[in-house]
Amino acid sequence: MKVAIIQTSLFWEQPQLNRELFKSKIDAISEEVDLVILPEMFTSGFTMNPVKVAELMVGETVLWLKEIAINKNCALAGSFVVSENEFFFNRLLFVYPSGEVKYYDKKHLFTFSGENVIYKAGFERLVVSYKGFTICPLICYDLRFPVFSRNTQSIDLYIYVANWPKVRIQAWDILLKARAIENMSYVVGVNRLGSDENQNIYNGHSQIIDCFGTTILNLEEENQVAVVNIEKKMVTDARTKFDFLNDKDDFDLK
């Protein structure tokens, strides 16, 4: 499966400009890809002012994602601010090439920024099947909680979309590897660049890591779109040979 990751700066709380930015970057991908991954809150940056940027599930960004998925014949994943039933959600959409939409609402809201006060948390993770891969897409702060990421469903690929600041980037680097190793799965982490109105600085480090913790790709601080081919067979062969997941402890998540 060919995976494209987009690492870029964002326009603060300007969805239309961000959609135009990502459209231009997606259109510039010269080869056919199966999956394009965008950062967390890709239409706005990590804002605590959802009233200004929130959209409905029948709004412009959902229609935009569907149109690109259908026209490019690829899946897309990324989160943005959604308004639903008088609540705001940091919602990740996984859009299939057919235009079918699955979504996940961020469970672990970032209390340090007050996200837990402004947004409503999700409860269940999303697991999708695509191109022979079982995929679990998660959002930023979820990366710090290994129990929620725990591989109990033969997941082949974890996706973490983020606005993870430079000041804590070492944790991002380490935890991406940890999630890959402990779950014997590929991990793709897509972070942003630039700065926001809250004086946060973002330095990227978007990465693709294999199930042994080997870094296949690290964009460092480059403004870049990168395409990497990942193989299901690599994960299957590793699990057949080492079988570590069958030795995991059993417990209930509450």
C-alpha atoms as a PDB file:
ATOM      1  CA  MET A   1       0.000   0.000   0.000  1.00  0.00           C
ATOM      2  CA  LYS A   2       1.400   3.375  -1.012  1.00  0.00           C
ATOM      3  CA  VAL A   3       0.989   5.926   1.781  1.00  0.00           C
ATOM      4  CA  ALA A   4       1.449   9.670   1.257  1.00  0.00           C
ATOM      5  CA  ILE A   5       2.044  11.891   4.282  1.00  0.00           C
ATOM      6  CA  ILE A   6       1.804  15.669   4.130  1.00  0.00           C
ATOM      7  CA  GLN A   7       3.876  17.756   6.526  1.00  0.00           C
ATOM      8  CA  THR A   8       3.246  21.488   6.272  1.00  0.00           C
ATOM      9  CA  SER A   9       2.448  24.645   8.189  1.00  0.00           C
ATOM     10  CA  LEU A  10      -1.212  25.649   8.541  1.00  0.00           C
ATOM     11  CA  PHE A  11      -3.218  28.843   8.208  1.00  0.00           C
ATOM     12  CA  TRP A  12      -4.638  29.694  11.629  1.00  0.00           C
ATOM     13  CA  GLU A  13      -8.422  29.208  11.755  1.00  0.00           C
ATOM     14  CA  GLN A  14      -8.841  29.576   7.992  1.00  0.00           C
ATOM     15  CA  PRO A  15     -10.436  26.368   6.650  1.00  0.00           C
ATOM     16  CA  GLN A  16     -10.758  27.531   3.043  1.00  0.00           C
ATOM     17  CA  LEU A  17      -7.085  28.467   2.766  1.00  0.00           C
ATOM     18  CA  ASN A  18      -6.047  25.176   4.350  1.00  0.00           C
ATOM     19  CA  ARG A  19      -8.228  23.167   1.993  1.00  0.00           C
ATOM     20  CA  GLU A  20      -6.662  25.006  -0.936  1.00  0.00           C
ATOM     21  CA  LEU A  21      -3.191  24.347   0.487  1.00  0.00           C
ATOM     22  CA  PHE A  22      -3.747  20.614   0.864  1.00  0.00           C
ATOM     23  CA  LYS A  23      -5.507  20.341  -2.493  1.00  0.00           C
ATOM     24  CA  SER A  24      -2.466  21.814  -4.215  1.00  0.00           C
ATOM     25  CA  LYS A  25      -0.134  19.422  -2.404  1.00  0.00           C
ATOM     26  CA  ILE A  26      -2.285  16.391  -3.172  1.00  0.00           C
ATOM     27  CA  ASP A  27      -2.593  17.400  -6.825  1.00  0.00           C
ATOM     28  CA  ALA A  28       1.208  17.658  -7.013  1.00  0.00           C
ATOM     29  CA  ILE A  29       1.690  13.986  -6.075  1.00  0.00           C
ATOM     30  CA  SER A  30       2.869  12.537  -9.377  1.00  0.00           C
ATOM     31  CA  GLU A  31       2.368   8.845  -8.631  1.00  0.00           C
ATOM     32  CA  GLU A  32      -0.734   6.891  -7.746  1.00  0.00           C
ATOM     33  CA  VAL A  33      -1.183   6.472  -3.988  1.00  0.00           C
ATOM     34  CA  ASP A  34      -3.593   4.455  -1.889  1.00  0.00           C
ATOM     35  CA  LEU A  35      -3.813   6.609   1.233  1.00  0.00           C
ATOM     36  CA  VAL A  36      -3.133  10.289   1.961  1.00  0.00           C
ATOM     37  CA  ILE A  37      -2.749  11.356   5.603  1.00  0.00           C
ATOM     38  CA  LEU A  38      -3.244  14.941   6.824  1.00  0.00           C
ATOM     39  CA  PRO A  39      -2.434  16.382  10.287  1.00  0.00           C
ATOM     40  CA  GLU A  40      -4.756  16.930  13.248  1.00  0.00           C
ATOM     41  CA  MET A  41      -7.212  19.833  12.813  1.00  0.00           C
ATOM     42  CA  PHE A  42      -5.848  20.324   9.314  1.00  0.00           C
ATOM     43  CA  THR A  43      -8.404  23.015   8.458  1.00  0.00           C
ATOM     44  CA  SER A  44      -7.592  25.296  11.404  1.00  0.00           C
ATOM     45  CA  GLY A  45      -4.649  24.341  13.568  1.00  0.00           C
ATOM     46  CA  PHE A  46      -5.173  23.209  17.169  1.00  0.00           C
ATOM     47  CA  THR A  47      -7.742  25.816  18.105  1.00  0.00           C
ATOM     48  CA  MET A  48      -9.775  26.184  21.287  1.00  0.00           C
ATOM     49  CA  ASN A  49     -12.139  28.486  19.400  1.00  0.00           C
ATOM     50  CA  PRO A  50     -14.341  25.905  17.647  1.00  0.00           C
ATOM     51  CA  VAL A  51     -17.215  28.315  17.011  1.00  0.00           C
ATOM     52  CA  LYS A  52     -15.088  30.021  14.383  1.00  0.00           C
ATOM     53  CA  VAL A  53     -14.150  26.898  12.390  1.00  0.00           C
ATOM     54  CA  ALA A  54     -16.585  24.069  13.225  1.00  0.00           C
ATOM     55  CA  GLU A  55     -18.455  22.367  10.396  1.00  0.00           C
ATOM     56  CA  LEU A  56     -21.266  19.875  10.045  1.00  0.00           C
ATOM     57  CA  MET A  57     -20.812  16.386   8.635  1.00  0.00           C
ATOM     58  CA  VAL A  58     -22.564  17.670   5.532  1.00  0.00           C
ATOM     59  CA  GLY A  59     -20.268  20.698   5.363  1.00  0.00           C
ATOM     60  CA  GLU A  60     -17.561  21.829   2.972  1.00  0.00           C
ATOM     61  CA  THR A  61     -14.657  19.836   4.374  1.00  0.00           C
ATOM     62  CA  VAL A  62     -16.468  16.497   4.280  1.00  0.00           C
ATOM     63  CA  LEU A  63     -17.602  17.165   0.716  1.00  0.00           C
ATOM     64  CA  TRP A  64     -14.053  18.251  -0.161  1.00  0.00           C
ATOM     65  CA  LEU A  65     -12.547  15.050   1.266  1.00  0.00           C
ATOM     66  CA  LYS A  66     -15.063  12.899  -0.591  1.00  0.00           C
ATOM     67  CA  GLU A  67     -14.422  14.683  -3.865  1.00  0.00           C
ATOM     68  CA  ILE A  68     -10.665  14.248  -3.604  1.00  0.00           C
ATOM     69  CA  ALA A  69     -10.965  10.598  -2.546  1.00  0.00           C
ATOM     70  CA  ILE A  70     -13.200   9.802  -5.508  1.00  0.00           C
ATOM     71  CA  ASN A  71     -11.254  11.814  -8.084  1.00  0.00           C
ATOM     72  CA  LYS A  72      -7.843  10.558  -6.926  1.00  0.00           C
ATOM     73  CA  ASN A  73      -9.087   7.034  -6.247  1.00  0.00           C
ATOM     74  CA  CYS A  74      -7.411   6.999  -2.837  1.00  0.00           C
ATOM     75  CA  ALA A  75      -8.380   7.085   0.819  1.00  0.00           C
ATOM     76  CA  LEU A  76      -7.790  10.150   2.999  1.00  0.00           C
ATOM     77  CA  ALA A  77      -7.429  10.542   6.761  1.00  0.00           C
ATOM     78  CA  GLY A  78      -7.187  13.635   8.936  1.00  0.00           C
ATOM     79  CA  SER A  79      -9.053  15.437  11.713  1.00  0.00           C
ATOM     80  CA  PHE A  80     -10.963  18.708  11.867  1.00  0.00           C
ATOM     81  CA  VAL A  81     -13.522  20.413  14.113  1.00  0.00           C
ATOM     82  CA  VAL A  82     -17.076  19.119  13.812  1.00  0.00           C
ATOM     83  CA  SER A  83     -20.249  20.492  15.391  1.00  0.00           C
ATOM     84  CA  GLU A  84     -22.909  17.901  16.184  1.00  0.00           C
ATOM     85  CA  ASN A  85     -25.851  17.812  18.606  1.00  0.00           C
ATOM     86  CA  GLU A  86     -24.701  21.054  20.253  1.00  0.00           C
ATOM     87  CA  PHE A  87     -21.231  19.629  20.969  1.00  0.00           C
ATOM     88  CA  PHE A  88     -17.841  20.140  19.315  1.00  0.00           C
ATOM     89  CA  PHE A  89     -15.629  17.192  18.392  1.00  0.00           C
ATOM     90  CA  ASN A  90     -12.020  16.809  17.287  1.00  0.00           C
ATOM     91  CA  ARG A  91     -13.074  14.269  14.668  1.00  0.00           C
ATOM     92  CA  LEU A  92     -10.876  12.165  12.407  1.00  0.00           C
ATOM     93  CA  LEU A  93     -12.399  11.053   9.124  1.00  0.00           C
ATOM     94  CA  PHE A  94     -11.272   8.050   7.122  1.00  0.00           C
ATOM     95  CA  VAL A  95     -12.686   8.505   3.636  1.00  0.00           C
ATOM     96  CA  TYR A  96     -12.567   5.589   1.199  1.00  0.00           C
ATOM     97  CA  PRO A  97     -12.019   6.049  -2.558  1.00  0.00           C
ATOM     98  CA  SER A  98     -15.733   5.357  -2.991  1.00  0.00           C
ATOM     99  CA  GLY A  99     -16.573   8.383  -0.839  1.00  0.00           C
ATOM    100  CA  GLU A 100     -17.695   6.240   2.099  1.00  0.00           C
ATOM    101  CA  VAL A 101     -16.863   7.917   5.417  1.00  0.00           C
ATOM    102  CA  LYS A 102     -15.889   6.416   8.765  1.00  0.00           C
ATOM    103  CA  TYR A 103     -14.996   8.603  11.731  1.00  0.00           C
ATOM    104  CA  TYR A 104     -13.348   8.622  15.143  1.00  0.00           C
ATOM    105  CA  ASP A 105     -13.792  11.250  17.867  1.00  0.00           C
ATOM    106  CA  LYS A 106     -10.630  11.906  19.868  1.00  0.00           C
ATOM    107  CA  LYS A 107     -10.884  10.090  23.188  1.00  0.00           C
ATOM    108  CA  HIS A 108      -7.945  11.560  25.105  1.00  0.00           C
ATOM    109  CA  LEU A 109      -8.545  15.299  25.143  1.00  0.00           C
ATOM    110  CA  PHE A 110      -5.525  17.431  25.993  1.00  0.00           C
ATOM    111  CA  THR A 111      -6.339  18.825  29.443  1.00  0.00           C
ATOM    112  CA  PHE A 112      -3.171  20.949  29.482  1.00  0.00           C
ATOM    113  CA  SER A 113      -4.726  23.160  26.779  1.00  0.00           C
ATOM    114  CA  GLY A 114      -8.313  22.950  28.023  1.00  0.00           C
ATOM    115  CA  GLU A 115      -9.407  20.773  25.104  1.00  0.00           C
ATOM    116  CA  ASN A 116     -11.407  18.640  27.550  1.00  0.00           C
ATOM    117  CA  VAL A 117     -13.527  21.665  28.506  1.00  0.00           C
ATOM    118  CA  ILE A 118     -14.323  22.784  24.979  1.00  0.00           C
ATOM    119  CA  TYR A 119     -14.637  19.518  23.093  1.00  0.00           C
ATOM    120  CA  LYS A 120     -16.582  16.337  23.787  1.00  0.00           C
ATOM    121  CA  ALA A 121     -14.566  13.133  24.005  1.00  0.00           C
ATOM    122  CA  GLY A 122     -15.198  10.016  21.994  1.00  0.00           C
ATOM    123  CA  PHE A 123     -15.418   6.600  23.598  1.00  0.00           C
ATOM    124  CA  GLU A 124     -14.591   3.953  21.021  1.00  0.00           C
ATOM    125  CA  ARG A 125     -11.662   3.691  18.660  1.00  0.00           C
ATOM    126  CA  LEU A 126     -12.163   3.166  14.958  1.00  0.00           C
ATOM    127  CA  VAL A 127     -10.722   0.158  13.150  1.00  0.00           C
ATOM    128  CA  VAL A 128     -11.084   0.005   9.362  1.00  0.00           C
ATOM    129  CA  SER A 129     -10.106  -2.470   6.665  1.00  0.00           C
ATOM    130  CA  TYR A 130      -8.435  -1.126   3.545  1.00  0.00           C
ATOM    131  CA  LYS A 131      -6.178  -2.613   0.877  1.00  0.00           C
ATOM    132  CA  GLY A 132      -5.664  -5.752   2.957  1.00  0.00           C
ATOM    133  CA  PHE A 133      -4.588  -3.751   6.031  1.00  0.00           C
ATOM    134  CA  THR A 134      -6.421  -3.459   9.336  1.00  0.00           C
ATOM    135  CA  ILE A 135      -5.961   0.195  10.313  1.00  0.00           C
ATOM    136  CA  CYS A 136      -6.533   2.099  13.558  1.00  0.00           C
ATOM    137  CA  PRO A 137      -6.425   5.910  13.158  1.00  0.00           C
ATOM    138  CA  LEU A 138      -5.910   7.951  16.341  1.00  0.00           C
ATOM    139  CA  ILE A 139      -5.266  11.581  17.265  1.00  0.00           C
ATOM    140  CA  CYS A 140      -2.238  13.265  18.887  1.00  0.00           C
ATOM    141  CA  TYR A 141      -2.605  12.926  22.707  1.00  0.00           C
ATOM    142  CA  ASP A 142      -3.907   9.359  22.224  1.00  0.00           C
ATOM    143  CA  LEU A 143      -0.274   8.451  21.528  1.00  0.00           C
ATOM    144  CA  ARG A 144       0.542   8.750  25.243  1.00  0.00           C
ATOM    145  CA  PHE A 145      -1.941   6.028  26.240  1.00  0.00           C
ATOM    146  CA  PRO A 146      -0.770   2.554  25.232  1.00  0.00           C
ATOM    147  CA  VAL A 147      -3.757   0.674  26.641  1.00  0.00           C
ATOM    148  CA  PHE A 148      -6.138   2.426  24.241  1.00  0.00           C
ATOM    149  CA  SER A 149      -3.794   1.620  21.336  1.00  0.00           C
ATOM    150  CA  ARG A 150      -3.350  -1.987  22.439  1.00  0.00           C
ATOM    151  CA  ASN A 151      -3.365  -4.411  19.532  1.00  0.00           C
ATOM    152  CA  THR A 152      -6.311  -6.675  20.282  1.00  0.00           C
ATOM    153  CA  GLN A 153      -7.721  -6.711  16.733  1.00  0.00           C
ATOM    154  CA  SER A 154      -4.762  -7.774  14.565  1.00  0.00           C
ATOM    155  CA  ILE A 155      -4.108  -4.157  13.601  1.00  0.00           C
ATOM    156  CA  ASP A 156      -1.447  -3.797  10.909  1.00  0.00           C
ATOM    157  CA  LEU A 157      -1.188  -0.009  10.822  1.00  0.00           C
ATOM    158  CA  TYR A 158      -1.693   2.693  13.438  1.00  0.00           C
ATOM    159  CA  ILE A 159      -2.084   6.280  12.267  1.00  0.00           C
ATOM    160  CA  TYR A 160      -1.492   9.222  14.617  1.00  0.00           C
ATOM    161  CA  VAL A 161      -2.387  12.664  13.253  1.00  0.00           C
ATOM    162  CA  ALA A 162      -1.080  15.491  15.401  1.00  0.00           C
ATOM    163  CA  ASN A 163      -0.321  19.084  16.286  1.00  0.00           C
ATOM    164  CA  TRP A 164       2.596  18.050  18.525  1.00  0.00           C
ATOM    165  CA  PRO A 165       4.801  20.992  19.577  1.00  0.00           C
ATOM    166  CA  LYS A 166       8.564  21.185  19.299  1.00  0.00           C
ATOM    167  CA  VAL A 167       9.035  21.510  23.057  1.00  0.00           C
ATOM    168  CA  ARG A 168       7.834  17.904  23.534  1.00  0.00           C
ATOM    169  CA  ILE A 169       8.982  16.398  20.237  1.00  0.00           C
ATOM    170  CA  GLN A 170      11.317  13.912  21.938  1.00  0.00           C
ATOM    171  CA  ALA A 171       8.279  12.233  23.498  1.00  0.00           C
ATOM    172  CA  TRP A 172       6.635  12.044  20.050  1.00  0.00           C
ATOM    173  CA  ASP A 173       9.719  10.359  18.579  1.00  0.00           C
ATOM    174  CA  ILE A 174       9.984   7.813  21.372  1.00  0.00           C
ATOM    175  CA  LEU A 175       6.298   7.008  21.712  1.00  0.00           C
ATOM    176  CA  LEU A 176       5.805   6.384  17.993  1.00  0.00           C
ATOM    177  CA  LYS A 177       8.517   3.746  18.147  1.00  0.00           C
ATOM    178  CA  ALA A 178       7.081   2.279  21.339  1.00  0.00           C
ATOM    179  CA  ARG A 179       3.601   1.892  19.823  1.00  0.00           C
ATOM    180  CA  ALA A 180       5.097   0.158  16.774  1.00  0.00           C
ATOM    181  CA  ILE A 181       7.226  -2.268  18.773  1.00  0.00           C
ATOM    182  CA  GLU A 182       4.683  -3.231  21.432  1.00  0.00           C
ATOM    183  CA  ASN A 183       1.878  -3.723  18.889  1.00  0.00           C
ATOM    184  CA  MET A 184       4.032  -5.342  16.171  1.00  0.00           C
ATOM    185  CA  SER A 185       2.494  -2.947  13.675  1.00  0.00           C
ATOM    186  CA  TYR A 186       3.419  -0.191  11.270  1.00  0.00           C
ATOM    187  CA  VAL A 187       2.984   3.265  12.765  1.00  0.00           C
ATOM    188  CA  VAL A 188       2.536   6.448  10.760  1.00  0.00           C
ATOM    189  CA  GLY A 189       2.705   9.751  12.623  1.00  0.00           C
ATOM    190  CA  VAL A 190       1.805  12.940  10.743  1.00  0.00           C
ATOM    191  CA  ASN A 191       2.590  16.219  12.488  1.00  0.00           C
ATOM    192  CA  ARG A 192       2.491  19.832  11.322  1.00  0.00           C
ATOM    193  CA  LEU A 193       5.041  22.624  10.925  1.00  0.00           C
ATOM    194  CA  GLY A 194       5.032  26.327  11.717  1.00  0.00           C
ATOM    195  CA  SER A 195       3.505  28.198  14.637  1.00  0.00           C
ATOM    196  CA  ASP A 196       0.064  29.153  15.879  1.00  0.00           C
ATOM    197  CA  GLU A 197      -1.590  32.074  17.650  1.00  0.00           C
ATOM    198  CA  ASN A 198      -0.881  30.468  21.037  1.00  0.00           C
ATOM    199  CA  GLN A 199       2.884  30.760  20.466  1.00  0.00           C
ATOM    200  CA  ASN A 200       3.282  27.027  19.927  1.00  0.00           C
ATOM    201  CA  ILE A 201       6.043  26.046  17.526  1.00  0.00           C
ATOM    202  CA  TYR A 202       5.777  22.816  15.531  1.00  0.00           C
ATOM    203  CA  ASN A 203       8.757  21.096  13.944  1.00  0.00           C
ATOM    204  CA  GLY A 204       7.217  18.109  12.225  1.00  0.00           C
ATOM    205  CA  HIS A 205       9.093  14.815  12.646  1.00  0.00           C
ATOM    206  CA  SER A 206       6.350  13.034  10.687  1.00  0.00           C
ATOM    207  CA  GLN A 207       7.425   9.414  10.473  1.00  0.00           C
ATOM    208  CA  ILE A 208       6.718   5.926   9.201  1.00  0.00           C
ATOM    209  CA  ILE A 209       7.999   3.126  11.440  1.00  0.00           C
ATOM    210  CA  ASP A 210       7.860  -0.625  10.949  1.00  0.00           C
ATOM    211  CA  CYS A 211       6.825  -3.290  13.453  1.00  0.00           C
ATOM    212  CA  PHE A 212      10.390  -3.696  14.778  1.00  0.00           C
ATOM    213  CA  GLY A 213      10.708   0.014  15.536  1.00  0.00           C
ATOM    214  CA  THR A 214      12.855   0.758  12.496  1.00  0.00           C
ATOM    215  CA  THR A 215      12.301   4.219  11.057  1.00  0.00           C
ATOM    216  CA  ILE A 216      11.472   3.907   7.371  1.00  0.00           C
ATOM    217  CA  LEU A 217      10.926   7.631   6.907  1.00  0.00           C
ATOM    218  CA  ASN A 218      11.407  10.747   9.038  1.00  0.00           C
ATOM    219  CA  LEU A 219      10.640  14.083   7.413  1.00  0.00           C
ATOM    220  CA  GLU A 220      12.470  15.911  10.213  1.00  0.00           C
ATOM    221  CA  GLU A 221      11.571  19.606   9.779  1.00  0.00           C
ATOM    222  CA  GLU A 222      11.053  19.589   6.009  1.00  0.00           C
ATOM    223  CA  ASN A 223       7.949  21.033   4.383  1.00  0.00           C
ATOM    224  CA  GLN A 224       7.308  17.969   2.290  1.00  0.00           C
ATOM    225  CA  VAL A 225       4.966  15.383   0.855  1.00  0.00           C
ATOM    226  CA  ALA A 226       6.457  11.890   0.954  1.00  0.00           C
ATOM    227  CA  VAL A 227       5.220   8.575  -0.431  1.00  0.00           C
ATOM    228  CA  VAL A 228       6.245   5.230   1.073  1.00  0.00           C
ATOM    229  CA  ASN A 229       5.143   1.745   0.139  1.00  0.00           C
ATOM    230  CA  ILE A 230       4.361  -0.483   3.121  1.00  0.00           C
ATOM    231  CA  GLU A 231       3.804  -4.225   2.839  1.00  0.00           C
ATOM    232  CA  LYS A 232       1.331  -6.310   4.807  1.00  0.00           C
ATOM    233  CA  LYS A 233       3.583  -9.338   4.322  1.00  0.00           C
ATOM    234  CA  MET A 234       6.301  -7.712   6.429  1.00  0.00           C
ATOM    235  CA  VAL A 235       3.963  -7.559   9.435  1.00  0.00           C
ATOM    236  CA  THR A 236       2.514 -11.024   8.813  1.00  0.00           C
ATOM    237  CA  ASP A 237       5.943 -12.633   8.519  1.00  0.00           C
ATOM    238  CA  ALA A 238       7.202 -10.893  11.672  1.00  0.00           C
ATOM    239  CA  ARG A 239       4.214 -12.045  13.706  1.00  0.00           C
ATOM    240  CA  THR A 240       4.459 -15.595  12.363  1.00  0.00           C
ATOM    241  CA  LYS A 241       8.129 -15.798  13.300  1.00  0.00           C
ATOM    242  CA  PHE A 242       8.072 -14.091  16.698  1.00  0.00           C
ATOM    243  CA  ASP A 243       4.449 -14.355  17.828  1.00  0.00           C
ATOM    244  CA  PHE A 244       4.934 -11.789  20.631  1.00  0.00           C
ATOM    245  CA  LEU A 245       1.308 -10.628  20.591  1.00  0.00           C
ATOM    246  CA  ASN A 246       0.063 -14.028  21.718  1.00  0.00           C
ATOM    247  CA  ASP A 247       1.974 -13.594  24.992  1.00  0.00           C
ATOM    248  CA  LYS A 248       0.235 -10.357  25.942  1.00  0.00           C
ATOM    249  CA  ASP A 249      -1.617  -9.972  29.238  1.00  0.00           C
ATOM    250  CA  ASP A 250      -5.417  -9.915  29.329  1.00  0.00           C
ATOM    251  CA  PHE A 251      -7.332  -7.124  31.036  1.00  0.00           C
ATOM    252  CA  ASP A 252     -10.437  -4.996  30.577  1.00  0.00           C
ATOM    253  CA  LEU A 253     -10.379  -1.319  29.542  1.00  0.00           C
ATOM    254  CA  LYS A 254     -12.735   0.794  31.660  1.00  0.00           C
END
